[in-house]
Protein backbone atom coordinates (compact mmCIF):
# COMPACT_ATOMS: atom_id res chain seq x y z
CA UNK A 1 -4.46 -9.15 -24.65
CA UNK A 2 -5.42 -12.52 -26.33
CA UNK A 3 -2.10 -14.29 -25.83
CA UNK A 4 -2.14 -13.44 -22.08
CA UNK A 5 -5.85 -14.20 -21.49
CA UNK A 6 -6.28 -10.89 -20.26
CA UNK A 7 -9.27 -8.91 -19.64
CA UNK A 8 -7.77 -5.77 -20.95
CA UNK A 9 -4.92 -3.88 -22.06
CA UNK A 10 -3.78 -0.62 -22.70
CA UNK A 11 -0.38 1.14 -24.46
CA UNK A 12 0.86 4.65 -24.73
CA UNK A 13 3.94 6.08 -26.61
CA UNK A 14 5.56 9.15 -25.06
CA UNK A 15 7.87 11.57 -26.86
CA UNK A 16 10.76 11.77 -24.63
CA UNK A 17 11.94 15.04 -23.51
CA UNK A 18 8.55 16.89 -24.17
CA UNK A 19 5.78 14.59 -22.52
CA UNK A 20 3.75 14.80 -25.82
CA UNK A 21 1.47 11.63 -26.00
CA UNK A 22 1.85 10.60 -29.50
CA UNK A 23 -0.61 7.37 -29.17
CA UNK A 24 -2.80 5.99 -26.53
CA UNK A 25 -5.08 2.93 -27.06
CA UNK A 26 -7.13 0.69 -24.84
CA UNK A 27 -8.95 -2.56 -25.40
CA UNK A 28 -12.57 -3.16 -25.04
CA UNK A 29 -13.79 0.18 -25.29
CA UNK A 30 -17.36 1.37 -25.49
CA UNK A 31 -18.64 1.47 -29.17
CA UNK A 32 -21.37 3.95 -29.57
CA UNK A 33 -22.28 1.95 -32.94
CA UNK A 34 -22.96 -1.11 -30.70
CA UNK A 35 -24.15 0.13 -27.11
CA UNK A 36 -25.11 -3.12 -26.20
CA UNK A 37 -21.76 -4.85 -26.17
CA UNK A 38 -20.72 -3.06 -23.13
CA UNK A 39 -16.87 -2.05 -22.92
CA UNK A 40 -15.09 0.96 -20.88
CA UNK A 41 -16.51 4.47 -21.32
CA UNK A 42 -13.35 5.90 -20.02
CA UNK A 43 -9.48 5.33 -20.88
CA UNK A 44 -8.15 2.58 -18.60
CA UNK A 45 -4.48 3.74 -19.42
CA UNK A 46 -5.45 6.91 -17.44
CA UNK A 47 -7.88 5.58 -15.03
CA UNK A 48 -7.12 2.05 -14.03
CA UNK A 49 -4.16 1.54 -11.66
CA UNK A 50 -2.71 -1.97 -11.46
CA UNK A 51 0.42 -3.03 -9.91
CA UNK A 52 3.42 -2.89 -12.22
CA UNK A 53 5.41 -5.71 -11.07
CA UNK A 54 8.95 -6.21 -12.53
CA UNK A 55 8.73 -2.81 -14.29
CA UNK A 56 8.62 -1.21 -11.00
CA UNK A 57 12.24 -2.66 -10.34
CA UNK A 58 13.63 0.00 -12.43
CA UNK A 59 13.06 2.75 -9.55
CA UNK A 60 14.73 0.33 -7.26
CA UNK A 61 17.78 0.09 -9.22
CA UNK A 62 17.72 3.77 -10.21
CA UNK A 63 17.71 4.82 -6.51
CA UNK A 64 20.65 2.54 -5.60
CA UNK A 65 23.05 3.55 -8.29
CA UNK A 66 22.18 6.96 -8.00
CA UNK A 67 23.00 7.00 -4.21
CA UNK A 68 26.27 5.35 -5.22
CA UNK A 69 25.47 2.18 -3.37
CA UNK A 70 25.88 -0.24 -6.44
CA UNK A 71 27.11 0.08 -9.93
CA UNK A 72 25.95 -2.46 -12.83
CA UNK A 73 28.95 -4.63 -12.27
CA UNK A 74 28.39 -5.12 -8.46
CA UNK A 75 27.82 -8.76 -7.63
CA UNK A 76 25.02 -10.25 -5.70
CA UNK A 77 24.15 -13.90 -4.94
CA UNK A 78 20.92 -15.09 -6.21
CA UNK A 79 19.14 -18.27 -5.26
CA UNK A 80 15.58 -19.43 -5.91
CA UNK A 81 14.48 -18.21 -2.66
CA UNK A 82 16.03 -15.88 -0.09
CA UNK A 83 15.47 -15.05 3.60
CA UNK A 84 15.98 -11.63 4.55
CA UNK A 85 17.19 -10.23 7.72
CA UNK A 86 13.78 -9.19 9.09
CA UNK A 87 12.58 -12.98 8.56
CA UNK A 88 10.74 -12.38 5.13
CA UNK A 89 11.24 -15.14 2.49
CA UNK A 90 11.19 -13.85 -1.14
CA UNK A 91 11.04 -16.24 -3.99
CA UNK A 92 11.52 -15.85 -7.73
CA UNK A 93 9.31 -16.72 -10.34
CA UNK A 94 11.14 -19.88 -11.29
CA UNK A 95 13.29 -22.29 -9.51
CA UNK A 96 16.96 -21.99 -10.58
CA UNK A 97 20.50 -22.78 -9.55
CA UNK A 98 22.34 -20.46 -7.30
CA UNK A 99 24.56 -17.84 -8.94
CA UNK A 100 26.29 -14.55 -8.41
CA UNK A 101 24.98 -12.13 -10.65
CA UNK A 102 25.88 -8.31 -11.47
CA UNK A 103 23.43 -5.93 -11.07
CA UNK A 104 23.02 -5.81 -14.93
CA UNK A 105 22.58 -9.51 -14.72
CA UNK A 106 20.04 -9.32 -12.11
CA UNK A 107 17.96 -7.16 -13.96
CA UNK A 108 18.43 -9.13 -17.09
CA UNK A 109 17.05 -11.97 -15.53
CA UNK A 110 14.52 -10.07 -13.33
CA UNK A 111 15.33 -12.15 -10.20
CA UNK A 112 13.55 -10.73 -7.17
CA UNK A 113 16.50 -12.47 -4.76
CA UNK A 114 19.10 -10.27 -6.14
CA UNK A 115 16.96 -7.28 -6.37
CA UNK A 116 15.93 -7.06 -2.85
CA UNK A 117 19.49 -7.22 -1.81
CA UNK A 118 20.32 -4.24 -4.22
CA UNK A 119 17.01 -2.51 -2.78
CA UNK A 120 18.47 -2.91 0.81
CA UNK A 121 21.27 -0.68 0.35
CA UNK A 122 19.03 1.87 0.27
CA UNK A 123 16.62 3.15 3.15
CA UNK A 124 12.69 2.84 2.81
CA UNK A 125 12.44 6.44 3.29
CA UNK A 126 15.04 7.22 0.38
CA UNK A 127 13.52 4.63 -1.77
CA UNK A 128 10.05 6.43 -1.03
CA UNK A 129 11.35 9.59 -1.94
CA UNK A 130 12.80 8.14 -5.23
CA UNK A 131 9.47 6.75 -6.28
CA UNK A 132 7.76 10.18 -5.54
CA UNK A 133 10.00 11.89 -7.61
CA UNK A 134 9.28 9.46 -10.49
CA UNK A 135 5.63 10.61 -10.09
CA UNK A 136 4.34 7.62 -8.28
CA UNK A 137 1.21 8.79 -6.32
CA UNK A 138 0.83 11.80 -8.66
CA UNK A 139 -1.31 12.50 -11.79
CA UNK A 140 0.76 12.82 -14.75
CA UNK A 141 -1.03 16.18 -15.94
CA UNK A 142 -2.55 14.42 -19.35
CA UNK A 143 -5.76 16.43 -20.10
CA UNK A 144 -8.04 13.75 -19.83
CA UNK A 145 -11.02 13.20 -17.52
CA UNK A 146 -10.69 10.93 -14.14
CA UNK A 147 -7.27 10.38 -14.19
CA UNK A 148 -6.10 8.33 -11.17
CA UNK A 149 -3.20 9.11 -8.99
CA UNK A 150 -2.60 5.44 -8.16
CA UNK A 151 -2.36 3.58 -4.91
CA UNK A 152 0.99 4.52 -2.86
CA UNK A 153 1.23 4.04 0.70
CA UNK A 154 3.61 6.11 2.79
CA UNK A 155 6.69 4.31 3.52
CA UNK A 156 6.02 4.48 7.40
CA UNK A 157 3.17 2.04 6.79
CA UNK A 158 4.99 -0.47 4.89
CA UNK A 159 5.15 -3.82 6.63
CA UNK A 160 7.74 -6.24 6.90
CA UNK A 161 7.03 -7.81 3.70
CA UNK A 162 5.69 -4.92 1.77
CA UNK A 163 8.95 -3.12 2.44
CA UNK A 164 10.54 -5.95 0.00
CA UNK A 165 7.71 -6.25 -2.24
CA UNK A 166 7.43 -2.64 -3.19
CA UNK A 167 11.12 -3.02 -4.49
CA UNK A 168 9.79 -5.11 -7.23
CA UNK A 169 6.57 -3.68 -8.14
CA UNK A 170 4.02 -5.05 -5.49
CA UNK A 171 2.02 -3.38 -2.82
CA UNK A 172 1.49 -0.31 -4.78
CA UNK A 173 -0.34 0.57 -8.21
CA UNK A 174 0.05 2.62 -11.21
CA UNK A 175 -1.86 3.59 -14.26
CA UNK A 176 -0.23 2.69 -17.61
CA UNK A 177 0.49 6.54 -18.42
CA UNK A 178 2.23 6.80 -15.12
CA UNK A 179 4.53 3.69 -15.68
CA UNK A 180 5.19 4.97 -19.14
CA UNK A 181 5.99 8.38 -17.61
CA UNK A 182 8.58 6.73 -15.06
CA UNK A 183 10.24 5.05 -18.17
CA UNK A 184 10.22 8.20 -20.23
CA UNK A 185 12.12 9.93 -17.22
CA UNK A 186 15.14 7.58 -17.37
CA UNK A 187 14.96 7.70 -21.27
CA UNK A 188 15.05 11.58 -20.56
CA UNK A 189 18.30 11.70 -18.78
CA UNK A 190 16.93 11.35 -15.53
CA UNK A 191 14.38 14.40 -15.95
CA UNK A 192 10.58 14.21 -15.28
CA UNK A 193 8.15 15.92 -17.64
CA UNK A 194 4.38 16.31 -17.54
CA UNK A 195 2.26 14.33 -20.05
CA UNK A 196 0.12 15.98 -22.46
CA UNK A 197 -1.92 15.21 -25.36
CA UNK A 198 -3.19 18.80 -26.07
CA UNK A 199 -0.11 20.85 -27.67
CA UNK A 200 -2.18 24.19 -27.55
CA UNK A 201 -5.54 26.04 -27.67
CA UNK A 202 -6.79 28.27 -30.31
CA UNK A 203 -9.09 30.91 -28.97
CA UNK A 204 -12.16 32.60 -31.13
CA UNK A 205 -9.80 35.66 -31.71
CA UNK A 206 -7.00 33.43 -33.34
CA UNK A 207 -4.65 33.58 -30.41
CA UNK A 208 -2.88 30.40 -29.43
CA UNK A 209 -2.22 29.53 -26.08
CA UNK A 210 0.70 26.85 -25.98
CA UNK A 211 -0.02 24.00 -23.40
CA UNK A 212 1.34 24.75 -19.83
CA UNK A 213 3.62 22.39 -18.66
CA UNK A 214 5.05 22.23 -15.07
CA UNK A 215 8.79 22.92 -14.58
CA UNK A 216 10.48 19.48 -15.52
CA UNK A 217 12.07 17.51 -12.08
CA UNK A 218 15.35 16.02 -11.96
CA UNK A 219 14.89 12.72 -10.48
CA UNK A 220 18.26 10.78 -11.10
CA UNK A 221 21.67 12.01 -12.38
CA UNK A 222 22.14 11.88 -16.14
CA UNK A 223 25.20 9.37 -15.40
CA UNK A 224 22.78 7.19 -13.75
CA UNK A 225 20.00 7.17 -16.45
CA UNK A 226 22.86 6.39 -18.94
CA UNK A 227 23.82 3.55 -16.75
CA UNK A 228 20.15 2.51 -16.44
CA UNK A 229 19.69 2.62 -20.29
CA UNK A 230 22.58 0.77 -20.48
CA UNK A 231 21.04 -2.13 -18.62
CA UNK A 232 17.60 -1.92 -20.15
């Protein structure tokens, strides 16, 4: 937070395969010992959605690979700016020479101009469905109050520009736990699990009730997840 000059930060650690939240932390939280210092009462990791930026590119790569439209070695021309067929011009973060990059290289350098070409190999409807399957627009199931489902508009409302910006993590917003769940899904061989911080409940009579976790959802094929992990 200090290095980036940010107002706040949050972090979460998830056990892959179970959805157990092993650690969750927020900066600038309310300190009951110093109530006049202000601070957030709730957990921003759960309650505050923000645009994920380049982290959101993972879903675009995953959709295109899972649909068989590209593989890690498919080549695309990347330039500092690129005007797409609908007239929208997309730029990379910094100027750079034109070069042909593989899908793996595009992810490594995080070039928007290569990513949008990869994203264009999949229809908006299909890409939207993949994003939904990754949990975008849904609560994660974590047992904490006031969880936000994020901000995620239906693909039919995307404009000429937002159909591209959604490919690289803009024009929608996620919480930190949603973002972590998405990445954990790839690490889990393409299977999404609910998140939880409560393992079980012990009732007064001593009966132990395990946490109820919804049936896991297969988002992408295991082969795709393996390729994504290789890229990451």
